[in-house]
Protein backbone atom coordinates (compact mmCIF):
# COMPACT_ATOMS: atom_id res chain seq x y z
CA MET A 1 -131.84 42.41 -8.11
CA ILE A 2 -133.20 41.66 -11.65
CA ASN A 3 -134.68 44.52 -13.55
CA PHE A 4 -137.21 43.90 -16.45
CA ILE A 5 -137.52 46.91 -18.67
CA ILE A 6 -140.43 46.82 -21.07
CA TYR A 7 -140.62 48.94 -24.29
CA GLU A 8 -144.01 48.46 -25.62
CA ASP A 9 -146.94 50.69 -26.75
CA GLU A 10 -149.78 48.17 -26.75
CA GLU A 11 -151.32 47.87 -23.33
CA TYR A 12 -152.40 44.18 -23.98
CA PHE A 13 -148.88 42.98 -24.67
CA GLY A 14 -147.40 45.12 -21.97
CA ASN A 15 -149.64 43.44 -19.45
CA LEU A 16 -148.94 40.04 -20.84
CA TYR A 17 -145.10 40.55 -20.49
CA LYS A 18 -145.67 41.68 -16.79
CA ASN A 19 -147.79 38.54 -16.04
CA VAL A 20 -145.29 36.20 -17.46
CA ILE A 21 -142.51 37.91 -15.44
CA HIS A 22 -144.58 37.55 -12.26
CA LYS A 23 -145.26 33.97 -13.13
CA PHE A 24 -141.58 33.13 -13.71
CA MET A 25 -140.15 35.09 -10.79
CA GLY A 26 -142.72 33.55 -8.45
CA ASN A 27 -140.55 30.45 -8.47
CA SER A 28 -137.52 32.41 -7.49
CA ASP A 29 -136.21 33.96 -4.26
CA ASP A 30 -134.53 36.76 -6.19
CA GLN A 31 -135.84 40.29 -5.91
CA TYR A 32 -136.99 41.99 -9.15
CA LYS A 33 -138.58 45.13 -10.45
CA ILE A 34 -140.45 45.94 -13.66
CA TYR A 35 -140.15 49.16 -15.49
CA SER A 36 -142.42 50.06 -18.57
CA PHE A 37 -142.25 52.56 -21.27
CA SER A 38 -144.76 53.04 -24.07
CA GLU A 39 -142.89 55.67 -26.17
CA TYR A 40 -139.42 56.88 -26.75
CA SER A 41 -137.91 59.86 -24.88
CA ASP A 42 -134.37 60.95 -24.10
CA GLU A 43 -135.06 59.97 -20.42
CA ILE A 44 -135.24 56.29 -21.29
CA ILE A 45 -131.64 55.81 -22.24
CA LYS A 46 -130.54 58.00 -19.16
CA PHE A 47 -132.67 55.69 -16.97
CA ILE A 48 -131.15 52.54 -18.51
CA LYS A 49 -127.54 53.91 -18.24
CA GLY A 50 -128.12 54.29 -14.46
CA LEU A 51 -129.52 50.79 -13.82
CA THR A 52 -127.55 48.51 -11.60
CA GLY A 53 -127.98 44.80 -11.01
CA GLN A 54 -129.07 42.30 -13.74
CA ASN A 55 -131.17 43.64 -16.57
CA VAL A 56 -133.65 42.00 -18.95
CA PHE A 57 -134.99 44.20 -21.81
CA ILE A 58 -138.11 43.29 -23.60
CA PHE A 59 -138.45 45.62 -26.67
CA ASP A 60 -141.26 45.72 -29.35
CA ILE A 61 -139.89 46.67 -32.77
CA GLU A 62 -142.55 49.23 -33.61
CA VAL A 63 -142.88 51.92 -30.79
CA LYS A 64 -143.64 55.55 -31.18
CA GLY A 65 -140.48 57.55 -31.50
CA LYS A 66 -137.87 54.83 -31.99
CA SER A 67 -137.71 51.19 -32.97
CA GLY A 68 -137.01 48.66 -30.41
CA LEU A 69 -133.97 47.54 -32.53
CA ASP A 70 -132.52 51.02 -32.47
CA LEU A 71 -133.10 51.32 -28.76
CA ALA A 72 -131.41 47.92 -28.24
CA ARG A 73 -128.40 49.12 -30.07
CA GLU A 74 -128.29 52.22 -27.91
CA VAL A 75 -128.40 49.92 -24.80
CA ARG A 76 -125.43 48.01 -26.02
CA ALA A 77 -123.57 51.20 -26.71
CA VAL A 78 -124.12 52.73 -23.25
CA LYS A 79 -124.13 49.67 -20.91
CA LYS A 80 -120.83 48.19 -22.27
CA THR A 81 -121.70 44.73 -20.83
CA MET A 82 -122.97 41.53 -22.35
CA ASN A 83 -124.58 40.53 -19.05
CA ASP A 84 -127.66 42.63 -19.91
CA GLN A 85 -130.06 40.36 -21.87
CA ILE A 86 -132.34 41.62 -24.67
CA ILE A 87 -135.47 40.01 -26.05
CA ILE A 88 -137.07 41.58 -29.26
CA VAL A 89 -140.72 40.90 -30.00
CA THR A 90 -142.57 41.87 -33.18
CA ALA A 91 -146.01 41.57 -34.86
CA HIS A 92 -144.28 40.94 -38.20
CA GLN A 93 -143.24 37.34 -38.78
CA ASP A 94 -141.14 38.30 -41.75
CA LEU A 95 -138.71 40.19 -39.45
CA ILE A 96 -137.82 37.24 -37.40
CA GLN A 97 -134.56 36.56 -39.43
CA ASN A 98 -133.71 40.23 -39.36
CA ALA A 99 -129.85 40.89 -39.62
CA PHE A 100 -129.86 42.95 -36.45
CA HIS A 101 -130.05 39.84 -34.47
CA LYS A 102 -126.16 39.42 -34.43
CA LYS A 103 -125.48 43.10 -34.05
CA ILE A 104 -127.26 43.47 -30.77
CA LEU A 105 -126.83 39.88 -29.45
CA MET A 106 -130.34 39.05 -28.53
CA VAL A 107 -131.57 36.16 -26.47
CA ASP A 108 -134.30 35.68 -28.86
CA PHE A 109 -136.53 37.37 -31.63
CA ILE A 110 -140.15 36.44 -30.87
CA SER A 111 -143.32 36.84 -32.86
CA LYS A 112 -146.30 38.13 -30.91
CA PHE A 113 -148.60 35.61 -32.44
CA ASP A 114 -146.49 32.42 -32.13
CA GLU A 115 -146.71 30.98 -28.58
CA LEU A 116 -145.49 34.29 -27.11
CA GLU A 117 -146.00 33.39 -23.43
CA GLU A 118 -144.30 30.03 -23.80
CA ARG A 119 -141.41 31.57 -25.79
CA LEU A 120 -140.96 34.26 -23.07
CA LEU A 121 -140.88 31.65 -20.32
CA LEU A 122 -138.12 29.72 -22.27
CA CYS A 123 -136.16 32.99 -22.76
CA PHE A 124 -136.40 33.83 -18.99
CA HIS A 125 -135.08 30.27 -18.03
CA GLU A 126 -132.18 30.70 -20.44
CA ILE A 127 -131.41 34.20 -19.08
CA TYR A 128 -131.63 32.96 -15.40
CA GLU A 129 -129.05 30.29 -16.39
CA ILE A 130 -126.79 32.97 -17.82
CA PHE A 131 -127.18 35.12 -14.71
CA ASN A 132 -126.44 32.18 -12.29
CA SER A 133 -123.50 31.04 -14.35
CA ASN A 134 -121.70 34.29 -13.32
CA LYS A 135 -121.75 33.46 -9.54
CA PHE A 136 -118.68 32.07 -7.95
CA LEU A 137 -117.88 30.44 -4.60
CA SER A 138 -114.56 32.12 -3.55
CA PHE A 139 -112.27 31.32 -0.74
CA LYS A 140 -108.63 31.62 0.22
CA GLN A 141 -106.70 28.36 0.78
CA ASP A 142 -103.18 28.89 2.04
CA SER A 143 -101.67 31.35 -0.36
CA GLU A 144 -104.22 30.77 -3.19
CA ILE A 145 -107.59 32.20 -3.95
CA ILE A 146 -109.98 29.64 -5.34
CA ARG A 147 -113.03 30.63 -7.35
CA ILE A 148 -115.53 27.85 -8.33
CA PRO A 149 -118.56 28.76 -10.47
CA TYR A 150 -121.76 27.74 -8.85
CA ASN A 151 -122.80 25.92 -11.95
CA ASP A 152 -119.66 23.75 -11.72
CA ILE A 153 -120.49 22.44 -8.16
CA LEU A 154 -121.97 19.01 -7.96
CA PHE A 155 -122.03 18.61 -4.15
CA ILE A 156 -120.29 19.90 -1.09
CA GLU A 157 -119.59 17.35 1.69
CA LYS A 158 -118.13 17.45 5.18
CA ASP A 159 -115.19 15.22 5.80
CA LYS A 160 -115.96 12.76 8.69
CA ASN A 161 -112.59 12.85 10.20
CA ASP A 162 -111.51 16.46 9.59
CA GLU A 163 -112.90 19.95 10.18
CA CYS A 164 -113.17 20.79 6.50
CA LEU A 165 -115.46 20.56 3.41
CA TYR A 166 -114.76 18.97 0.07
CA ILE A 167 -116.27 20.70 -2.98
CA GLU A 168 -116.82 18.29 -5.83
CA THR A 169 -116.92 19.35 -9.38
CA ASP A 170 -116.80 17.15 -12.65
CA ASN A 171 -113.03 17.43 -12.82
CA CYS A 172 -111.69 18.55 -9.39
CA ARG A 173 -112.06 18.14 -5.68
CA TYR A 174 -111.40 21.23 -3.52
CA LYS A 175 -110.70 21.15 0.22
CA TYR A 176 -112.13 24.10 2.03
CA ARG A 177 -111.53 24.70 5.81
CA THR A 178 -114.94 25.97 6.96
CA ASN A 179 -118.23 24.59 8.37
CA ILE A 180 -121.27 23.45 6.48
CA ALA A 181 -123.48 26.09 8.16
CA LYS A 182 -121.54 29.02 6.66
CA ILE A 183 -121.82 27.45 3.11
CA GLU A 184 -125.44 26.74 3.67
CA HIS A 185 -126.03 30.47 4.52
CA LEU A 186 -124.06 31.57 1.51
CA LEU A 187 -126.17 29.48 -0.80
CA GLU A 188 -129.59 29.67 0.83
CA ASN A 189 -131.02 32.04 -1.81
CA ASP A 190 -129.86 30.01 -4.72
CA LYS A 191 -132.62 27.56 -5.70
CA ARG A 192 -130.19 25.07 -7.28
CA PHE A 193 -128.70 24.00 -3.84
CA PHE A 194 -130.42 21.68 -1.32
CA LYS A 195 -129.13 20.46 2.01
CA THR A 196 -129.58 16.57 1.81
CA HIS A 197 -127.98 15.87 5.09
CA ARG A 198 -126.48 17.69 8.08
CA SER A 199 -123.12 17.18 6.32
CA CYS A 200 -123.93 17.57 2.62
CA ILE A 201 -125.28 20.16 0.24
CA VAL A 202 -125.96 19.16 -3.46
CA ASN A 203 -126.61 21.05 -6.66
CA THR A 204 -130.04 19.58 -7.74
CA PHE A 205 -129.63 20.83 -11.28
CA LYS A 206 -126.63 18.40 -11.59
CA ILE A 207 -128.29 15.31 -10.42
CA THR A 208 -128.47 12.61 -13.17
CA LYS A 209 -129.99 9.81 -11.12
CA LEU A 210 -131.51 9.46 -7.64
CA ASN A 211 -131.95 6.17 -5.74
CA THR A 212 -133.70 6.94 -2.40
CA SER A 213 -133.70 3.25 -1.14
CA ILE A 214 -129.95 2.83 -1.06
CA PRO A 215 -129.66 5.86 -0.87
CA ILE A 216 -127.35 7.29 -3.40
CA ILE A 217 -127.31 10.59 -5.48
CA TYR A 218 -125.53 10.28 -8.80
CA PHE A 219 -123.88 13.07 -10.89
CA ASN A 220 -122.02 12.79 -14.24
CA ASN A 221 -119.08 10.77 -12.84
CA LYS A 222 -119.50 11.09 -9.08
CA TYR A 223 -121.90 10.33 -6.24
CA THR A 224 -122.77 10.87 -2.66
CA THR A 225 -124.64 8.75 -0.17
CA CYS A 226 -125.40 11.59 2.23
CA LEU A 227 -129.21 11.72 2.01
CA SER A 228 -131.11 11.67 5.30
CA ARG A 229 -134.54 10.00 5.57
CA ASP A 230 -136.42 13.20 6.26
CA LYS A 231 -134.95 14.78 3.09
CA LYS A 232 -135.74 12.03 0.63
CA LYS A 233 -139.29 13.24 -0.45
CA GLU A 234 -138.31 16.78 -0.83
CA LEU A 235 -135.32 15.84 -2.93
CA GLU A 236 -137.48 13.58 -5.11
CA THR A 237 -139.89 16.49 -5.70
CA LYS A 238 -137.07 18.85 -6.60
CA CYS A 239 -135.65 16.42 -9.15
CA LEU A 240 -139.02 15.71 -10.73
CA VAL A 241 -139.96 19.41 -11.01
CA GLY A 242 -136.59 20.97 -11.54
CA GLY A 243 -135.64 18.61 -14.23
CA ASP A 244 -138.38 19.86 -16.47
CA SER A 245 -138.11 23.50 -15.62
CA TYR A 246 -134.55 24.32 -14.91
CA GLU A 247 -132.41 21.66 -16.62
CA LEU A 248 -128.89 23.07 -17.37
C-alpha cells in the first residue's frame, strides 16, 4: 500500500495533486490511498505516526497553522525512517534553494508555477524506483539464505536438464531449486517483470537491446534467447513504452 498525504490549503492545487496521483498510479497494480489536510492540527502528526506501508508526503510551504517545512521536519522526527518520501511545493520561486532541503531530505522542491504536473510525475517515478529497490527475492539454498534485490535481477531462466532455476544478475548467477510458476506468482504484481517464455521471466527495465527476429534479449553483459513467438509483440511494446517512462 502506498499512502499519499497532501498538506495544501488551496483547493485548486490539492485537486491537481490528486489528479496527478491517479494518473501515475493508473499504470501500477499497487494499491494506494490519498489523505488530504488543508490546515494544521495536532491530529495530523498523530495520524502520520500511525501510517503503515510506503508513504509519499506532498507539503505546501504556506499552510494555515504550520509551514510545510516544519511539518516535514516533524515527520522525519516521528517516523524514524528514510523510506518515507517528501515533496515540498511553493508559490515562491525564491525559496527553491532553501537550506531546509538537506535537513529534511526531500525528493524535490517544486515551484507551483513551473511545470508543476510534469515535475510531480518525475518525482513519483523517482519515488517508485526507490520503493521498488527495497524489494528482495529471498530463498534458502542449503545452509545459506540468499537475498537478491529485485532491481538487480536481469532474468530468471529454467535449466533445461535440471529441476532448478538460474537467477542472473550483472555479476552473479544464482541457482534456486523451485519451479517457474512459483516465481511468476511471486512477481506477478511487479510491473518490471514479464514472462517471455514458459521457462523464462525477464526484468524489462534492464533490457538494453531486443532483437525479435533471432530472437535474443540483451542486458548489460548477458542475454537470453527465451522469447516465444506469442510474446514478441507484447515485449516490444513494454520496451518502447517502459523505456521512456520507467528507465532505471
